[in-house]
Amino acid sequence: DNTAKQATATIGRWTAQVDLDANTADVSGTHVTFSAPAHEHDGKLYVPADFFHQAYGYKVQANGTDVSISL
């Protein structure tokens, strides 16, 4: 939602709402915190990789510039 500066992502039974410049999200009524604020670049909202762990429980691994996100 460009007007509200908010993105919504649904994966499985969880729906996360993330606001631009926030490092928290509402995930199906539960607030989670991640390492850095969401930011915008070229009209897209970006979140840090640990968002996927905090919001959905995914395993996040980083090796240099390579990031892997899995169940």
N, C-alpha and C. Protein backbone atom coordinates (compact mmCIF):
# COMPACT_ATOMS: atom_id res chain seq x y z
N ASP A 1 0.86 -1.17 0.00
CA ASP A 1 0.00 0.00 0.00
C ASP A 1 0.90 1.23 0.00
N ASN A 2 1.09 1.81 -1.16
CA ASN A 2 2.01 2.93 -1.30
C ASN A 2 1.56 4.16 -0.51
N THR A 3 0.27 4.37 -0.40
CA THR A 3 -0.24 5.52 0.34
C THR A 3 0.08 5.40 1.83
N ALA A 4 -0.15 4.22 2.40
CA ALA A 4 0.10 4.00 3.82
C ALA A 4 1.56 3.65 4.11
N LYS A 5 2.35 3.43 3.04
CA LYS A 5 3.75 3.00 3.19
C LYS A 5 3.83 1.73 4.01
N GLN A 6 3.02 0.75 3.61
CA GLN A 6 2.91 -0.51 4.33
C GLN A 6 2.82 -1.67 3.34
N ALA A 7 3.46 -2.79 3.70
CA ALA A 7 3.38 -3.99 2.86
C ALA A 7 2.73 -5.11 3.68
N THR A 8 2.00 -5.98 2.98
CA THR A 8 1.38 -7.14 3.61
C THR A 8 1.87 -8.38 2.89
N ALA A 9 2.32 -9.36 3.67
CA ALA A 9 2.83 -10.61 3.10
C ALA A 9 2.17 -11.78 3.81
N THR A 10 1.54 -12.67 3.04
CA THR A 10 0.92 -13.86 3.62
C THR A 10 1.69 -15.09 3.17
N ILE A 11 2.13 -15.87 4.14
CA ILE A 11 2.79 -17.14 3.88
C ILE A 11 2.10 -18.16 4.77
N GLY A 12 1.50 -19.15 4.15
CA GLY A 12 0.76 -20.14 4.92
C GLY A 12 -0.38 -19.50 5.68
N ARG A 13 -0.43 -19.74 6.96
CA ARG A 13 -1.53 -19.20 7.78
C ARG A 13 -1.19 -17.87 8.43
N TRP A 14 0.02 -17.35 8.19
CA TRP A 14 0.45 -16.11 8.81
C TRP A 14 0.42 -14.95 7.83
N THR A 15 -0.06 -13.81 8.30
CA THR A 15 -0.06 -12.59 7.51
C THR A 15 0.71 -11.52 8.28
N ALA A 16 1.73 -10.96 7.65
CA ALA A 16 2.55 -9.93 8.28
C ALA A 16 2.27 -8.59 7.62
N GLN A 17 2.16 -7.56 8.45
CA GLN A 17 2.05 -6.18 7.96
C GLN A 17 3.27 -5.43 8.44
N VAL A 18 4.00 -4.85 7.50
CA VAL A 18 5.25 -4.16 7.79
C VAL A 18 5.13 -2.72 7.31
N ASP A 19 5.50 -1.78 8.18
CA ASP A 19 5.50 -0.36 7.82
C ASP A 19 6.89 0.08 7.40
N LEU A 20 6.96 0.97 6.44
CA LEU A 20 8.22 1.57 6.01
C LEU A 20 8.90 2.20 7.22
N ASP A 21 10.20 2.02 7.34
CA ASP A 21 11.05 2.59 8.39
C ASP A 21 10.80 1.98 9.77
N ALA A 22 10.07 0.87 9.85
CA ALA A 22 9.84 0.20 11.14
C ALA A 22 10.64 -1.09 11.20
N ASN A 23 11.09 -1.44 12.41
CA ASN A 23 11.78 -2.72 12.58
C ASN A 23 10.89 -3.70 13.35
N THR A 24 9.58 -3.48 13.26
CA THR A 24 8.60 -4.38 13.84
C THR A 24 7.53 -4.68 12.80
N ALA A 25 6.83 -5.79 13.03
CA ALA A 25 5.73 -6.16 12.14
C ALA A 25 4.62 -6.77 12.98
N ASP A 26 3.40 -6.67 12.49
CA ASP A 26 2.27 -7.36 13.09
C ASP A 26 2.09 -8.64 12.28
N VAL A 27 2.26 -9.78 12.93
CA VAL A 27 2.11 -11.07 12.27
C VAL A 27 0.90 -11.77 12.87
N SER A 28 -0.21 -11.69 12.16
CA SER A 28 -1.46 -12.31 12.61
C SER A 28 -1.77 -11.95 14.06
N GLY A 29 -1.58 -10.66 14.41
CA GLY A 29 -1.91 -10.16 15.74
C GLY A 29 -0.79 -10.18 16.75
N THR A 30 0.36 -10.75 16.39
CA THR A 30 1.51 -10.78 17.28
C THR A 30 2.59 -9.86 16.73
N HIS A 31 3.14 -8.99 17.59
CA HIS A 31 4.20 -8.10 17.13
C HIS A 31 5.55 -8.80 17.25
N VAL A 32 6.34 -8.70 16.18
CA VAL A 32 7.70 -9.24 16.16
C VAL A 32 8.67 -8.12 15.81
N THR A 33 9.90 -8.28 16.25
CA THR A 33 10.95 -7.29 16.01
C THR A 33 12.05 -7.94 15.20
N PHE A 34 12.61 -7.21 14.24
CA PHE A 34 13.73 -7.70 13.45
C PHE A 34 14.86 -6.70 13.52
N SER A 35 16.01 -7.04 12.94
CA SER A 35 17.27 -6.34 13.20
C SER A 35 17.40 -4.92 12.65
N ALA A 36 16.68 -4.58 11.62
CA ALA A 36 16.82 -3.26 11.01
C ALA A 36 15.47 -2.84 10.42
N PRO A 37 15.28 -1.54 10.27
CA PRO A 37 14.00 -1.07 9.72
C PRO A 37 13.80 -1.48 8.25
N ALA A 38 12.56 -1.68 7.88
CA ALA A 38 12.20 -1.89 6.48
C ALA A 38 12.51 -0.60 5.72
N HIS A 39 12.97 -0.72 4.50
CA HIS A 39 13.27 0.48 3.71
C HIS A 39 12.77 0.31 2.28
N GLU A 40 12.68 1.43 1.59
CA GLU A 40 12.17 1.43 0.22
C GLU A 40 13.31 1.72 -0.75
N HIS A 41 13.29 1.01 -1.87
CA HIS A 41 14.25 1.26 -2.95
C HIS A 41 13.54 0.95 -4.26
N ASP A 42 13.53 1.91 -5.16
CA ASP A 42 12.89 1.75 -6.47
C ASP A 42 11.44 1.28 -6.36
N GLY A 43 10.73 1.81 -5.37
CA GLY A 43 9.30 1.51 -5.24
C GLY A 43 8.98 0.18 -4.58
N LYS A 44 10.00 -0.49 -4.03
CA LYS A 44 9.79 -1.77 -3.36
C LYS A 44 10.20 -1.67 -1.90
N LEU A 45 9.47 -2.38 -1.03
CA LEU A 45 9.78 -2.40 0.39
C LEU A 45 10.68 -3.60 0.69
N TYR A 46 11.80 -3.34 1.35
CA TYR A 46 12.76 -4.39 1.69
C TYR A 46 12.83 -4.55 3.21
N VAL A 47 12.97 -5.78 3.65
CA VAL A 47 13.14 -6.09 5.06
C VAL A 47 14.43 -6.89 5.22
N PRO A 48 15.04 -6.88 6.42
CA PRO A 48 16.23 -7.70 6.62
C PRO A 48 15.85 -9.19 6.61
N ALA A 49 16.81 -10.03 6.30
CA ALA A 49 16.54 -11.47 6.18
C ALA A 49 15.97 -12.07 7.46
N ASP A 50 16.39 -11.54 8.63
CA ASP A 50 15.88 -12.13 9.87
C ASP A 50 14.38 -11.89 10.08
N PHE A 51 13.79 -11.01 9.29
CA PHE A 51 12.33 -10.84 9.32
C PHE A 51 11.64 -12.18 9.08
N PHE A 52 12.17 -12.98 8.16
CA PHE A 52 11.53 -14.26 7.81
C PHE A 52 11.61 -15.26 8.96
N HIS A 53 12.65 -15.16 9.78
CA HIS A 53 12.73 -16.01 10.96
C HIS A 53 11.76 -15.50 12.03
N GLN A 54 11.78 -14.23 12.30
CA GLN A 54 10.95 -13.65 13.35
C GLN A 54 9.46 -13.75 13.02
N ALA A 55 9.11 -13.52 11.76
CA ALA A 55 7.70 -13.50 11.38
C ALA A 55 7.13 -14.88 11.09
N TYR A 56 7.92 -15.75 10.45
CA TYR A 56 7.39 -17.02 9.97
C TYR A 56 8.11 -18.25 10.52
N GLY A 57 9.19 -18.05 11.29
CA GLY A 57 9.92 -19.18 11.85
C GLY A 57 10.88 -19.86 10.89
N TYR A 58 11.14 -19.25 9.74
CA TYR A 58 12.06 -19.84 8.77
C TYR A 58 13.50 -19.80 9.29
N LYS A 59 14.30 -20.74 8.84
CA LYS A 59 15.72 -20.78 9.15
C LYS A 59 16.43 -19.84 8.19
N VAL A 60 17.24 -18.94 8.72
CA VAL A 60 17.97 -17.97 7.89
C VAL A 60 19.46 -18.18 8.13
N GLN A 61 20.20 -18.42 7.05
CA GLN A 61 21.64 -18.60 7.14
C GLN A 61 22.31 -17.63 6.18
N ALA A 62 23.41 -17.04 6.66
CA ALA A 62 24.19 -16.12 5.82
C ALA A 62 25.62 -16.62 5.73
N ASN A 63 26.17 -16.56 4.53
CA ASN A 63 27.55 -16.92 4.27
C ASN A 63 28.10 -15.87 3.33
N GLY A 64 28.75 -14.89 3.89
CA GLY A 64 29.21 -13.75 3.09
C GLY A 64 28.01 -12.98 2.56
N THR A 65 27.91 -12.86 1.24
CA THR A 65 26.79 -12.15 0.64
C THR A 65 25.65 -13.07 0.26
N ASP A 66 25.82 -14.39 0.47
CA ASP A 66 24.78 -15.36 0.16
C ASP A 66 23.86 -15.56 1.37
N VAL A 67 22.56 -15.49 1.14
CA VAL A 67 21.59 -15.71 2.21
C VAL A 67 20.65 -16.83 1.78
N SER A 68 20.41 -17.76 2.71
CA SER A 68 19.52 -18.89 2.45
C SER A 68 18.38 -18.83 3.47
N ILE A 69 17.14 -18.95 2.99
CA ILE A 69 15.96 -18.94 3.85
C ILE A 69 15.19 -20.22 3.57
N SER A 70 14.96 -21.02 4.63
CA SER A 70 14.28 -22.30 4.44
C SER A 70 13.47 -22.66 5.67
N LEU A 71 12.63 -23.70 5.52
CA LEU A 71 11.89 -24.20 6.67
C LEU A 71 12.82 -25.02 7.46
